[in-house]
Amino acid sequence: MLYDGLIRFAQQAIEALEAKRLEEAHRRLIRCQEIVSELRVTLDRDRAPELCDNLNDLYVFFHGRFIEANRNKSPEPVQEVLPLIQELREAFAQAERMAVMERADEVSGTVR
C-alpha cells in the first residue's frame, strides 16, 4: 500500500509541477518524502541486512530526488525515480504472490 500511495502521489506531483500548481506539487512531494521515510523505518535488518542496505540506499536517493524536485519546481527528478519505484512495487507484489503460493503448497502438501 505504501508503494501504491507513493506512485500515486509522485504522479500527482508531476502533473501539478507541469501545470505550475506549485502549492499542490509541494504537498504531493512532501507526502512522497513522508512515505519514503516510512519505508525506511520499516526495513527489518535482522531478516535481510544486505537487502535492507540496498533498499535504504534507494530510499535515500528517492528522498533526495523529491527534495530536488520541490526545490527546483521541476518534474524531472520525480520522472527519473518513478519507473524505479514502479519496478520495486511490482517486485514486492510478485514476491508476495510467490509467498502466498508457497504457503498454500505447504498447507496442501504440494511440492513445486
PDB file of N, CA and C in Angstrom:
ATOM      1  N   MET A   1       0.820  -1.191   0.000  1.00  0.00           N
ATOM      2  CA  MET A   1       0.000   0.000   0.000  1.00  0.00           C
ATOM      3  C   MET A   1       0.868   1.260   0.000  1.00  0.00           C
ATOM      4  N   LEU A   2       2.007   1.218   0.694  1.00  0.00           N
ATOM      5  CA  LEU A   2       2.875   2.392   0.693  1.00  0.00           C
ATOM      6  C   LEU A   2       3.395   2.690  -0.710  1.00  0.00           C
ATOM      7  N   TYR A   3       3.785   1.644  -1.425  1.00  0.00           N
ATOM      8  CA  TYR A   3       4.255   1.855  -2.794  1.00  0.00           C
ATOM      9  C   TYR A   3       3.149   2.407  -3.685  1.00  0.00           C
ATOM     10  N   ASP A   4       1.933   1.889  -3.542  1.00  0.00           N
ATOM     11  CA  ASP A   4       0.814   2.395  -4.340  1.00  0.00           C
ATOM     12  C   ASP A   4       0.596   3.877  -4.063  1.00  0.00           C
ATOM     13  N   GLY A   5       0.629   4.268  -2.796  1.00  0.00           N
ATOM     14  CA  GLY A   5       0.474   5.671  -2.444  1.00  0.00           C
ATOM     15  C   GLY A   5       1.621   6.513  -2.970  1.00  0.00           C
ATOM     16  N   LEU A   6       2.830   6.000  -2.865  1.00  0.00           N
ATOM     17  CA  LEU A   6       4.000   6.722  -3.353  1.00  0.00           C
ATOM     18  C   LEU A   6       3.890   6.966  -4.855  1.00  0.00           C
ATOM     19  N   ILE A   7       3.499   5.951  -5.583  1.00  0.00           N
ATOM     20  CA  ILE A   7       3.337   6.095  -7.033  1.00  0.00           C
ATOM     21  C   ILE A   7       2.250   7.116  -7.346  1.00  0.00           C
ATOM     22  N   ARG A   8       1.139   7.018  -6.654  1.00  0.00           N
ATOM     23  CA  ARG A   8       0.021   7.938  -6.904  1.00  0.00           C
ATOM     24  C   ARG A   8       0.433   9.382  -6.614  1.00  0.00           C
ATOM     25  N   PHE A   9       1.060   9.632  -5.458  1.00  0.00           N
ATOM     26  CA  PHE A   9       1.463  10.995  -5.110  1.00  0.00           C
ATOM     27  C   PHE A   9       2.564  11.509  -6.043  1.00  0.00           C
ATOM     28  N   ALA A  10       3.466  10.635  -6.472  1.00  0.00           N
ATOM     29  CA  ALA A  10       4.513  11.057  -7.400  1.00  0.00           C
ATOM     30  C   ALA A  10       3.900  11.470  -8.740  1.00  0.00           C
ATOM     31  N   GLN A  11       2.950  10.694  -9.230  1.00  0.00           N
ATOM     32  CA  GLN A  11       2.276  11.051 -10.479  1.00  0.00           C
ATOM     33  C   GLN A  11       1.527  12.371 -10.335  1.00  0.00           C
ATOM     34  N   GLN A  12       0.863  12.550  -9.206  1.00  0.00           N
ATOM     35  CA  GLN A  12       0.136  13.803  -8.964  1.00  0.00           C
ATOM     36  C   GLN A  12       1.114  14.980  -8.867  1.00  0.00           C
ATOM     37  N   ALA A  13       2.277  14.756  -8.274  1.00  0.00           N
ATOM     38  CA  ALA A  13       3.290  15.821  -8.172  1.00  0.00           C
ATOM     39  C   ALA A  13       3.777  16.218  -9.558  1.00  0.00           C
ATOM     40  N   ILE A  14       4.022  15.236 -10.406  1.00  0.00           N
ATOM     41  CA  ILE A  14       4.465  15.526 -11.770  1.00  0.00           C
ATOM     42  C   ILE A  14       3.407  16.371 -12.485  1.00  0.00           C
ATOM     43  N   GLU A  15       2.163  15.941 -12.404  1.00  0.00           N
ATOM     44  CA  GLU A  15       1.079  16.681 -13.056  1.00  0.00           C
ATOM     45  C   GLU A  15       0.984  18.105 -12.522  1.00  0.00           C
ATOM     46  N   ALA A  16       1.070  18.264 -11.212  1.00  0.00           N
ATOM     47  CA  ALA A  16       0.968  19.599 -10.609  1.00  0.00           C
ATOM     48  C   ALA A  16       2.156  20.478 -11.024  1.00  0.00           C
ATOM     49  N   LEU A  17       3.347  19.906 -11.045  1.00  0.00           N
ATOM     50  CA  LEU A  17       4.521  20.682 -11.460  1.00  0.00           C
ATOM     51  C   LEU A  17       4.405  21.114 -12.914  1.00  0.00           C
ATOM     52  N   GLU A  18       3.969  20.195 -13.759  1.00  0.00           N
ATOM     53  CA  GLU A  18       3.825  20.534 -15.180  1.00  0.00           C
ATOM     54  C   GLU A  18       2.772  21.613 -15.394  1.00  0.00           C
ATOM     55  N   ALA A  19       1.744  21.628 -14.557  1.00  0.00           N
ATOM     56  CA  ALA A  19       0.666  22.619 -14.667  1.00  0.00           C
ATOM     57  C   ALA A  19       0.973  23.880 -13.855  1.00  0.00           C
ATOM     58  N   LYS A  20       2.150  23.933 -13.217  1.00  0.00           N
ATOM     59  CA  LYS A  20       2.564  25.076 -12.401  1.00  0.00           C
ATOM     60  C   LYS A  20       1.641  25.318 -11.214  1.00  0.00           C
ATOM     61  N   ARG A  21       1.030  24.236 -10.705  1.00  0.00           N
ATOM     62  CA  ARG A  21       0.253  24.314  -9.460  1.00  0.00           C
ATOM     63  C   ARG A  21       1.228  23.975  -8.326  1.00  0.00           C
ATOM     64  N   LEU A  22       2.006  24.977  -7.966  1.00  0.00           N
ATOM     65  CA  LEU A  22       3.172  24.749  -7.113  1.00  0.00           C
ATOM     66  C   LEU A  22       2.814  24.373  -5.680  1.00  0.00           C
ATOM     67  N   GLU A  23       1.763  24.947  -5.132  1.00  0.00           N
ATOM     68  CA  GLU A  23       1.380  24.583  -3.765  1.00  0.00           C
ATOM     69  C   GLU A  23       0.941  23.119  -3.707  1.00  0.00           C
ATOM     70  N   GLU A  24       0.147  22.703  -4.682  1.00  0.00           N
ATOM     71  CA  GLU A  24      -0.278  21.302  -4.745  1.00  0.00           C
ATOM     72  C   GLU A  24       0.929  20.390  -4.942  1.00  0.00           C
ATOM     73  N   ALA A  25       1.830  20.770  -5.832  1.00  0.00           N
ATOM     74  CA  ALA A  25       3.031  19.973  -6.084  1.00  0.00           C
ATOM     75  C   ALA A  25       3.841  19.827  -4.795  1.00  0.00           C
ATOM     76  N   HIS A  26       3.979  20.920  -4.068  1.00  0.00           N
ATOM     77  CA  HIS A  26       4.719  20.890  -2.801  1.00  0.00           C
ATOM     78  C   HIS A  26       4.097  19.873  -1.839  1.00  0.00           C
ATOM     79  N   ARG A  27       2.775  19.918  -1.691  1.00  0.00           N
ATOM     80  CA  ARG A  27       2.097  18.986  -0.778  1.00  0.00           C
ATOM     81  C   ARG A  27       2.308  17.541  -1.220  1.00  0.00           C
ATOM     82  N   ARG A  28       2.217  17.273  -2.505  1.00  0.00           N
ATOM     83  CA  ARG A  28       2.394  15.907  -3.011  1.00  0.00           C
ATOM     84  C   ARG A  28       3.832  15.432  -2.807  1.00  0.00           C
ATOM     85  N   LEU A  29       4.784  16.312  -3.045  1.00  0.00           N
ATOM     86  CA  LEU A  29       6.185  15.928  -2.873  1.00  0.00           C
ATOM     87  C   LEU A  29       6.526  15.692  -1.407  1.00  0.00           C
ATOM     88  N   ILE A  30       5.961  16.492  -0.518  1.00  0.00           N
ATOM     89  CA  ILE A  30       6.160  16.256   0.916  1.00  0.00           C
ATOM     90  C   ILE A  30       5.576  14.899   1.295  1.00  0.00           C
ATOM     91  N   ARG A  31       4.415  14.588   0.750  1.00  0.00           N
ATOM     92  CA  ARG A  31       3.788  13.286   1.030  1.00  0.00           C
ATOM     93  C   ARG A  31       4.687  12.157   0.536  1.00  0.00           C
ATOM     94  N   CYS A  32       5.284  12.314  -0.644  1.00  0.00           N
ATOM     95  CA  CYS A  32       6.228  11.308  -1.164  1.00  0.00           C
ATOM     96  C   CYS A  32       7.395  11.123  -0.196  1.00  0.00           C
ATOM     97  N   GLN A  33       7.931  12.227   0.310  1.00  0.00           N
ATOM     98  CA  GLN A  33       9.046  12.150   1.248  1.00  0.00           C
ATOM     99  C   GLN A  33       8.635  11.426   2.526  1.00  0.00           C
ATOM    100  N   GLU A  34       7.440  11.697   2.999  1.00  0.00           N
ATOM    101  CA  GLU A  34       6.951  11.025   4.210  1.00  0.00           C
ATOM    102  C   GLU A  34       6.812   9.522   3.994  1.00  0.00           C
ATOM    103  N   ILE A  35       6.306   9.134   2.833  1.00  0.00           N
ATOM    104  CA  ILE A  35       6.145   7.704   2.551  1.00  0.00           C
ATOM    105  C   ILE A  35       7.514   7.022   2.455  1.00  0.00           C
ATOM    106  N   VAL A  36       8.459   7.673   1.789  1.00  0.00           N
ATOM    107  CA  VAL A  36       9.804   7.097   1.688  1.00  0.00           C
ATOM    108  C   VAL A  36      10.412   6.967   3.082  1.00  0.00           C
ATOM    109  N   SER A  37      10.202   7.944   3.929  1.00  0.00           N
ATOM    110  CA  SER A  37      10.709   7.853   5.305  1.00  0.00           C
ATOM    111  C   SER A  37      10.074   6.671   6.035  1.00  0.00           C
ATOM    112  N   GLU A  38       8.794   6.467   5.834  1.00  0.00           N
ATOM    113  CA  GLU A  38       8.109   5.326   6.448  1.00  0.00           C
ATOM    114  C   GLU A  38       8.661   4.004   5.912  1.00  0.00           C
ATOM    115  N   LEU A  39       8.930   3.932   4.624  1.00  0.00           N
ATOM    116  CA  LEU A  39       9.516   2.718   4.048  1.00  0.00           C
ATOM    117  C   LEU A  39      10.877   2.430   4.686  1.00  0.00           C
ATOM    118  N   ARG A  40      11.658   3.455   4.923  1.00  0.00           N
ATOM    119  CA  ARG A  40      12.968   3.272   5.548  1.00  0.00           C
ATOM    120  C   ARG A  40      12.831   2.741   6.973  1.00  0.00           C
ATOM    121  N   VAL A  41      11.864   3.268   7.712  1.00  0.00           N
ATOM    122  CA  VAL A  41      11.664   2.857   9.100  1.00  0.00           C
ATOM    123  C   VAL A  41      11.241   1.387   9.191  1.00  0.00           C
ATOM    124  N   THR A  42      10.534   0.909   8.194  1.00  0.00           N
ATOM    125  CA  THR A  42      10.003  -0.459   8.249  1.00  0.00           C
ATOM    126  C   THR A  42      11.011  -1.522   7.811  1.00  0.00           C
ATOM    127  N   LEU A  43      12.186  -1.115   7.379  1.00  0.00           N
ATOM    128  CA  LEU A  43      13.191  -2.106   6.980  1.00  0.00           C
ATOM    129  C   LEU A  43      13.590  -2.950   8.184  1.00  0.00           C
ATOM    130  N   ASP A  44      13.644  -4.255   7.980  1.00  0.00           N
ATOM    131  CA  ASP A  44      13.984  -5.195   9.051  1.00  0.00           C
ATOM    132  C   ASP A  44      15.371  -5.783   8.785  1.00  0.00           C
ATOM    133  N   ARG A  45      16.374  -5.094   9.304  1.00  0.00           N
ATOM    134  CA  ARG A  45      17.766  -5.509   9.049  1.00  0.00           C
ATOM    135  C   ARG A  45      18.089  -6.877   9.634  1.00  0.00           C
ATOM    136  N   ASP A  46      17.351  -7.311  10.630  1.00  0.00           N
ATOM    137  CA  ASP A  46      17.624  -8.623  11.225  1.00  0.00           C
ATOM    138  C   ASP A  46      17.312  -9.756  10.248  1.00  0.00           C
ATOM    139  N   ARG A  47      16.358  -9.564   9.387  1.00  0.00           N
ATOM    140  CA  ARG A  47      15.938 -10.620   8.466  1.00  0.00           C
ATOM    141  C   ARG A  47      16.774 -10.645   7.191  1.00  0.00           C
ATOM    142  N   ALA A  48      17.137  -9.478   6.677  1.00  0.00           N
ATOM    143  CA  ALA A  48      17.869  -9.415   5.412  1.00  0.00           C
ATOM    144  C   ALA A  48      18.731  -8.156   5.381  1.00  0.00           C
ATOM    145  N   PRO A  49      19.874  -8.173   6.064  1.00  0.00           N
ATOM    146  CA  PRO A  49      20.673  -6.949   6.191  1.00  0.00           C
ATOM    147  C   PRO A  49      21.146  -6.368   4.856  1.00  0.00           C
ATOM    148  N   GLU A  50      21.594  -7.208   3.951  1.00  0.00           N
ATOM    149  CA  GLU A  50      22.108  -6.699   2.673  1.00  0.00           C
ATOM    150  C   GLU A  50      20.981  -6.082   1.842  1.00  0.00           C
ATOM    151  N   LEU A  51      19.851  -6.769   1.782  1.00  0.00           N
ATOM    152  CA  LEU A  51      18.698  -6.235   1.056  1.00  0.00           C
ATOM    153  C   LEU A  51      18.269  -4.901   1.663  1.00  0.00           C
ATOM    154  N   CYS A  52      18.234  -4.842   2.990  1.00  0.00           N
ATOM    155  CA  CYS A  52      17.829  -3.607   3.667  1.00  0.00           C
ATOM    156  C   CYS A  52      18.799  -2.464   3.363  1.00  0.00           C
ATOM    157  N   ASP A  53      20.092  -2.778   3.330  1.00  0.00           N
ATOM    158  CA  ASP A  53      21.074  -1.740   2.994  1.00  0.00           C
ATOM    159  C   ASP A  53      20.829  -1.207   1.588  1.00  0.00           C
ATOM    160  N   ASN A  54      20.585  -2.109   0.659  1.00  0.00           N
ATOM    161  CA  ASN A  54      20.338  -1.697  -0.727  1.00  0.00           C
ATOM    162  C   ASN A  54      19.052  -0.884  -0.850  1.00  0.00           C
ATOM    163  N   LEU A  55      17.998  -1.348  -0.197  1.00  0.00           N
ATOM    164  CA  LEU A  55      16.736  -0.610  -0.235  1.00  0.00           C
ATOM    165  C   LEU A  55      16.887   0.755   0.431  1.00  0.00           C
ATOM    166  N   ASN A  56      17.593   0.800   1.556  1.00  0.00           N
ATOM    167  CA  ASN A  56      17.808   2.072   2.234  1.00  0.00           C
ATOM    168  C   ASN A  56      18.510   3.064   1.311  1.00  0.00           C
ATOM    169  N   ASP A  57      19.540   2.583   0.599  1.00  0.00           N
ATOM    170  CA  ASP A  57      20.249   3.458  -0.338  1.00  0.00           C
ATOM    171  C   ASP A  57      19.300   3.993  -1.417  1.00  0.00           C
ATOM    172  N   LEU A  58      18.436   3.125  -1.929  1.00  0.00           N
ATOM    173  CA  LEU A  58      17.456   3.574  -2.925  1.00  0.00           C
ATOM    174  C   LEU A  58      16.496   4.594  -2.323  1.00  0.00           C
ATOM    175  N   TYR A  59      16.026   4.321  -1.125  1.00  0.00           N
ATOM    176  CA  TYR A  59      15.085   5.236  -0.478  1.00  0.00           C
ATOM    177  C   TYR A  59      15.728   6.594  -0.221  1.00  0.00           C
ATOM    178  N   VAL A  60      16.986   6.617   0.167  1.00  0.00           N
ATOM    179  CA  VAL A  60      17.698   7.887   0.361  1.00  0.00           C
ATOM    180  C   VAL A  60      17.780   8.634  -0.974  1.00  0.00           C
ATOM    181  N   PHE A  61      18.059   7.905  -2.033  1.00  0.00           N
ATOM    182  CA  PHE A  61      18.122   8.506  -3.369  1.00  0.00           C
ATOM    183  C   PHE A  61      16.758   9.081  -3.758  1.00  0.00           C
ATOM    184  N   PHE A  62      15.695   8.295  -3.573  1.00  0.00           N
ATOM    185  CA  PHE A  62      14.347   8.776  -3.896  1.00  0.00           C
ATOM    186  C   PHE A  62      14.034  10.051  -3.121  1.00  0.00           C
ATOM    187  N   HIS A  63      14.303  10.017  -1.826  1.00  0.00           N
ATOM    188  CA  HIS A  63      14.023  11.159  -0.959  1.00  0.00           C
ATOM    189  C   HIS A  63      14.735  12.414  -1.484  1.00  0.00           C
ATOM    190  N   GLY A  64      15.984  12.248  -1.837  1.00  0.00           N
ATOM    191  CA  GLY A  64      16.764  13.371  -2.371  1.00  0.00           C
ATOM    192  C   GLY A  64      16.195  13.916  -3.667  1.00  0.00           C
ATOM    193  N   ARG A  65      15.700  13.021  -4.506  1.00  0.00           N
ATOM    194  CA  ARG A  65      15.129  13.472  -5.784  1.00  0.00           C
ATOM    195  C   ARG A  65      13.814  14.219  -5.556  1.00  0.00           C
ATOM    196  N   PHE A  66      13.020  13.787  -4.575  1.00  0.00           N
ATOM    197  CA  PHE A  66      11.792  14.518  -4.262  1.00  0.00           C
ATOM    198  C   PHE A  66      12.117  15.911  -3.712  1.00  0.00           C
ATOM    199  N   ILE A  67      13.149  16.017  -2.890  1.00  0.00           N
ATOM    200  CA  ILE A  67      13.575  17.315  -2.382  1.00  0.00           C
ATOM    201  C   ILE A  67      14.032  18.198  -3.537  1.00  0.00           C
ATOM    202  N   GLU A  68      14.815  17.627  -4.428  1.00  0.00           N
ATOM    203  CA  GLU A  68      15.309  18.363  -5.600  1.00  0.00           C
ATOM    204  C   GLU A  68      14.147  18.874  -6.455  1.00  0.00           C
ATOM    205  N   ALA A  69      13.171  18.031  -6.694  1.00  0.00           N
ATOM    206  CA  ALA A  69      12.003  18.436  -7.496  1.00  0.00           C
ATOM    207  C   ALA A  69      11.276  19.588  -6.817  1.00  0.00           C
ATOM    208  N   ASN A  70      11.137  19.517  -5.512  1.00  0.00           N
ATOM    209  CA  ASN A  70      10.432  20.558  -4.768  1.00  0.00           C
ATOM    210  C   ASN A  70      11.239  21.863  -4.764  1.00  0.00           C
ATOM    211  N   ARG A  71      12.519  21.750  -4.568  1.00  0.00           N
ATOM    212  CA  ARG A  71      13.378  22.939  -4.529  1.00  0.00           C
ATOM    213  C   ARG A  71      13.380  23.663  -5.872  1.00  0.00           C
ATOM    214  N   ASN A  72      13.488  22.889  -6.955  1.00  0.00           N
ATOM    215  CA  ASN A  72      13.601  23.487  -8.292  1.00  0.00           C
ATOM    216  C   ASN A  72      12.271  23.607  -9.025  1.00  0.00           C
ATOM    217  N   LYS A  73      11.206  23.117  -8.392  1.00  0.00           N
ATOM    218  CA  LYS A  73       9.866  23.134  -9.016  1.00  0.00           C
ATOM    219  C   LYS A  73       9.925  22.506 -10.405  1.00  0.00           C
ATOM    220  N   SER A  74      10.563  21.330 -10.436  1.00  0.00           N
ATOM    221  CA  SER A  74      10.803  20.625 -11.689  1.00  0.00           C
ATOM    222  C   SER A  74      10.300  19.184 -11.595  1.00  0.00           C
ATOM    223  N   PRO A  75       9.592  18.700 -12.621  1.00  0.00           N
ATOM    224  CA  PRO A  75       9.113  17.319 -12.587  1.00  0.00           C
ATOM    225  C   PRO A  75      10.185  16.277 -12.921  1.00  0.00           C
ATOM    226  N   GLU A  76      11.304  16.696 -13.500  1.00  0.00           N
ATOM    227  CA  GLU A  76      12.297  15.723 -13.972  1.00  0.00           C
ATOM    228  C   GLU A  76      12.821  14.778 -12.903  1.00  0.00           C
ATOM    229  N   PRO A  77      13.167  15.257 -11.707  1.00  0.00           N
ATOM    230  CA  PRO A  77      13.655  14.298 -10.701  1.00  0.00           C
ATOM    231  C   PRO A  77      12.617  13.232 -10.340  1.00  0.00           C
ATOM    232  N   VAL A  78      11.355  13.621 -10.312  1.00  0.00           N
ATOM    233  CA  VAL A  78      10.295  12.654  -9.998  1.00  0.00           C
ATOM    234  C   VAL A  78      10.131  11.680 -11.164  1.00  0.00           C
ATOM    235  N   GLN A  79      10.176  12.216 -12.377  1.00  0.00           N
ATOM    236  CA  GLN A  79      10.074  11.359 -13.561  1.00  0.00           C
ATOM    237  C   GLN A  79      11.223  10.362 -13.621  1.00  0.00           C
ATOM    238  N   GLU A  80      12.362  10.753 -13.085  1.00  0.00           N
ATOM    239  CA  GLU A  80      13.535   9.873 -13.061  1.00  0.00           C
ATOM    240  C   GLU A  80      13.329   8.675 -12.129  1.00  0.00           C
ATOM    241  N   VAL A  81      12.732   8.917 -10.952  1.00  0.00           N
ATOM    242  CA  VAL A  81      12.616   7.835  -9.971  1.00  0.00           C
ATOM    243  C   VAL A  81      11.315   7.046 -10.080  1.00  0.00           C
ATOM    244  N   LEU A  82      10.302   7.602 -10.697  1.00  0.00           N
ATOM    245  CA  LEU A  82       9.010   6.918 -10.763  1.00  0.00           C
ATOM    246  C   LEU A  82       9.101   5.519 -11.374  1.00  0.00           C
ATOM    247  N   PRO A  83       9.807   5.320 -12.500  1.00  0.00           N
ATOM    248  CA  PRO A  83       9.908   3.952 -13.034  1.00  0.00           C
ATOM    249  C   PRO A  83      10.599   2.976 -12.067  1.00  0.00           C
ATOM    250  N   LEU A  84      11.574   3.466 -11.309  1.00  0.00           N
ATOM    251  CA  LEU A  84      12.259   2.612 -10.333  1.00  0.00           C
ATOM    252  C   LEU A  84      11.305   2.211  -9.212  1.00  0.00           C
ATOM    253  N   ILE A  85      10.497   3.148  -8.766  1.00  0.00           N
ATOM    254  CA  ILE A  85       9.519   2.869  -7.713  1.00  0.00           C
ATOM    255  C   ILE A  85       8.496   1.858  -8.220  1.00  0.00           C
ATOM    256  N   GLN A  86       8.059   2.028  -9.462  1.00  0.00           N
ATOM    257  CA  GLN A  86       7.086   1.101 -10.039  1.00  0.00           C
ATOM    258  C   GLN A  86       7.672  -0.303 -10.163  1.00  0.00           C
ATOM    259  N   GLU A  87       8.944  -0.396 -10.534  1.00  0.00           N
ATOM    260  CA  GLU A  87       9.604  -1.707 -10.615  1.00  0.00           C
ATOM    261  C   GLU A  87       9.689  -2.360  -9.237  1.00  0.00           C
ATOM    262  N   LEU A  88      10.055  -1.594  -8.227  1.00  0.00           N
ATOM    263  CA  LEU A  88      10.127  -2.134  -6.869  1.00  0.00           C
ATOM    264  C   LEU A  88       8.766  -2.613  -6.403  1.00  0.00           C
ATOM    265  N   ARG A  89       7.745  -1.837  -6.674  1.00  0.00           N
ATOM    266  CA  ARG A  89       6.391  -2.206  -6.275  1.00  0.00           C
ATOM    267  C   ARG A  89       5.996  -3.530  -6.922  1.00  0.00           C
ATOM    268  N   GLU A  90       6.303  -3.687  -8.195  1.00  0.00           N
ATOM    269  CA  GLU A  90       5.969  -4.927  -8.892  1.00  0.00           C
ATOM    270  C   GLU A  90       6.789  -6.098  -8.347  1.00  0.00           C
ATOM    271  N   ALA A  91       8.060  -5.868  -8.039  1.00  0.00           N
ATOM    272  CA  ALA A  91       8.902  -6.933  -7.487  1.00  0.00           C
ATOM    273  C   ALA A  91       8.359  -7.399  -6.134  1.00  0.00           C
ATOM    274  N   PHE A  92       7.950  -6.465  -5.284  1.00  0.00           N
ATOM    275  CA  PHE A  92       7.383  -6.849  -3.992  1.00  0.00           C
ATOM    276  C   PHE A  92       6.042  -7.556  -4.164  1.00  0.00           C
ATOM    277  N   ALA A  93       5.237  -7.105  -5.120  1.00  0.00           N
ATOM    278  CA  ALA A  93       3.947  -7.758  -5.370  1.00  0.00           C
ATOM    279  C   ALA A  93       4.173  -9.188  -5.855  1.00  0.00           C
ATOM    280  N   GLN A  94       5.158  -9.383  -6.721  1.00  0.00           N
ATOM    281  CA  GLN A  94       5.462 -10.724  -7.219  1.00  0.00           C
ATOM    282  C   GLN A  94       5.986 -11.612  -6.088  1.00  0.00           C
ATOM    283  N   ALA A  95       6.842 -11.071  -5.250  1.00  0.00           N
ATOM    284  CA  ALA A  95       7.361 -11.851  -4.112  1.00  0.00           C
ATOM    285  C   ALA A  95       6.219 -12.244  -3.178  1.00  0.00           C
ATOM    286  N   GLU A  96       5.276 -11.345  -2.982  1.00  0.00           N
ATOM    287  CA  GLU A  96       4.133 -11.663  -2.123  1.00  0.00           C
ATOM    288  C   GLU A  96       3.285 -12.775  -2.741  1.00  0.00           C
ATOM    289  N   ARG A  97       3.066 -12.706  -4.052  1.00  0.00           N
ATOM    290  CA  ARG A  97       2.292 -13.765  -4.730  1.00  0.00           C
ATOM    291  C   ARG A  97       2.986 -15.112  -4.594  1.00  0.00           C
ATOM    292  N   MET A  98       4.310 -15.117  -4.736  1.00  0.00           N
ATOM    293  CA  MET A  98       5.063 -16.362  -4.607  1.00  0.00           C
ATOM    294  C   MET A  98       4.982 -16.904  -3.183  1.00  0.00           C
ATOM    295  N   ALA A  99       5.054 -16.031  -2.197  1.00  0.00           N
ATOM    296  CA  ALA A  99       4.965 -16.462  -0.801  1.00  0.00           C
ATOM    297  C   ALA A  99       3.596 -17.058  -0.502  1.00  0.00           C
ATOM    298  N   VAL A 100       2.555 -16.455  -1.049  1.00  0.00           N
ATOM    299  CA  VAL A 100       1.197 -16.982  -0.854  1.00  0.00           C
ATOM    300  C   VAL A 100       1.088 -18.364  -1.470  1.00  0.00           C
ATOM    301  N   MET A 101       1.640 -18.540  -2.673  1.00  0.00           N
ATOM    302  CA  MET A 101       1.596 -19.851  -3.341  1.00  0.00           C
ATOM    303  C   MET A 101       2.364 -20.890  -2.533  1.00  0.00           C
ATOM    304  N   GLU A 102       3.523 -20.508  -1.999  1.00  0.00           N
ATOM    305  CA  GLU A 102       4.319 -21.443  -1.204  1.00  0.00           C
ATOM    306  C   GLU A 102       3.583 -21.850   0.067  1.00  0.00           C
ATOM    307  N   ARG A 103       2.935 -20.895   0.715  1.00  0.00           N
ATOM    308  CA  ARG A 103       2.162 -21.220   1.922  1.00  0.00           C
ATOM    309  C   ARG A 103       1.006 -22.150   1.576  1.00  0.00           C
ATOM    310  N   ALA A 104       0.357 -21.910   0.449  1.00  0.00           N
ATOM    311  CA  ALA A 104      -0.754 -22.768   0.031  1.00  0.00           C
ATOM    312  C   ALA A 104      -0.244 -24.176  -0.262  1.00  0.00           C
ATOM    313  N   ASP A 105       0.930 -24.266  -0.876  1.00  0.00           N
ATOM    314  CA  ASP A 105       1.520 -25.574  -1.157  1.00  0.00           C
ATOM    315  C   ASP A 105       1.869 -26.318   0.129  1.00  0.00           C
ATOM    316  N   GLU A 106       2.372 -25.577   1.109  1.00  0.00           N
ATOM    317  CA  GLU A 106       2.710 -26.206   2.388  1.00  0.00           C
ATOM    318  C   GLU A 106       1.461 -26.770   3.068  1.00  0.00           C
ATOM    319  N   VAL A 107       0.395 -26.025   2.992  1.00  0.00           N
ATOM    320  CA  VAL A 107      -0.854 -26.453   3.604  1.00  0.00           C
ATOM    321  C   VAL A 107      -1.402 -27.679   2.893  1.00  0.00           C
ATOM    322  N   SER A 108      -1.313 -27.676   1.560  1.00  0.00           N
ATOM    323  CA  SER A 108      -1.878 -28.788   0.806  1.00  0.00           C
ATOM    324  C   SER A 108      -0.905 -29.949   0.630  1.00  0.00           C
ATOM    325  N   GLY A 109       0.378 -29.726   0.955  1.00  0.00           N
ATOM    326  CA  GLY A 109       1.366 -30.794   0.815  1.00  0.00           C
ATOM    327  C   GLY A 109       1.935 -30.903  -0.590  1.00  0.00           C
ATOM    328  N   THR A 110       1.661 -29.962  -1.443  1.00  0.00           N
ATOM    329  CA  THR A 110       2.158 -29.974  -2.820  1.00  0.00           C
ATOM    330  C   THR A 110       3.581 -29.444  -2.840  1.00  0.00           C
ATOM    331  N   VAL A 111       4.406 -30.006  -3.731  1.00  0.00           N
ATOM    332  CA  VAL A 111       5.777 -29.554  -3.914  1.00  0.00           C
ATOM    333  C   VAL A 111       5.896 -28.993  -5.305  1.00  0.00           C
ATOM    334  N   ARG A 112       6.501 -27.830  -5.414  1.00  0.00           N
ATOM    335  CA  ARG A 112       6.728 -27.205  -6.745  1.00  0.00           C
ATOM    336  C   ARG A 112       8.140 -27.417  -7.173  1.00  0.00           C
TER     337      ARG A 112
END
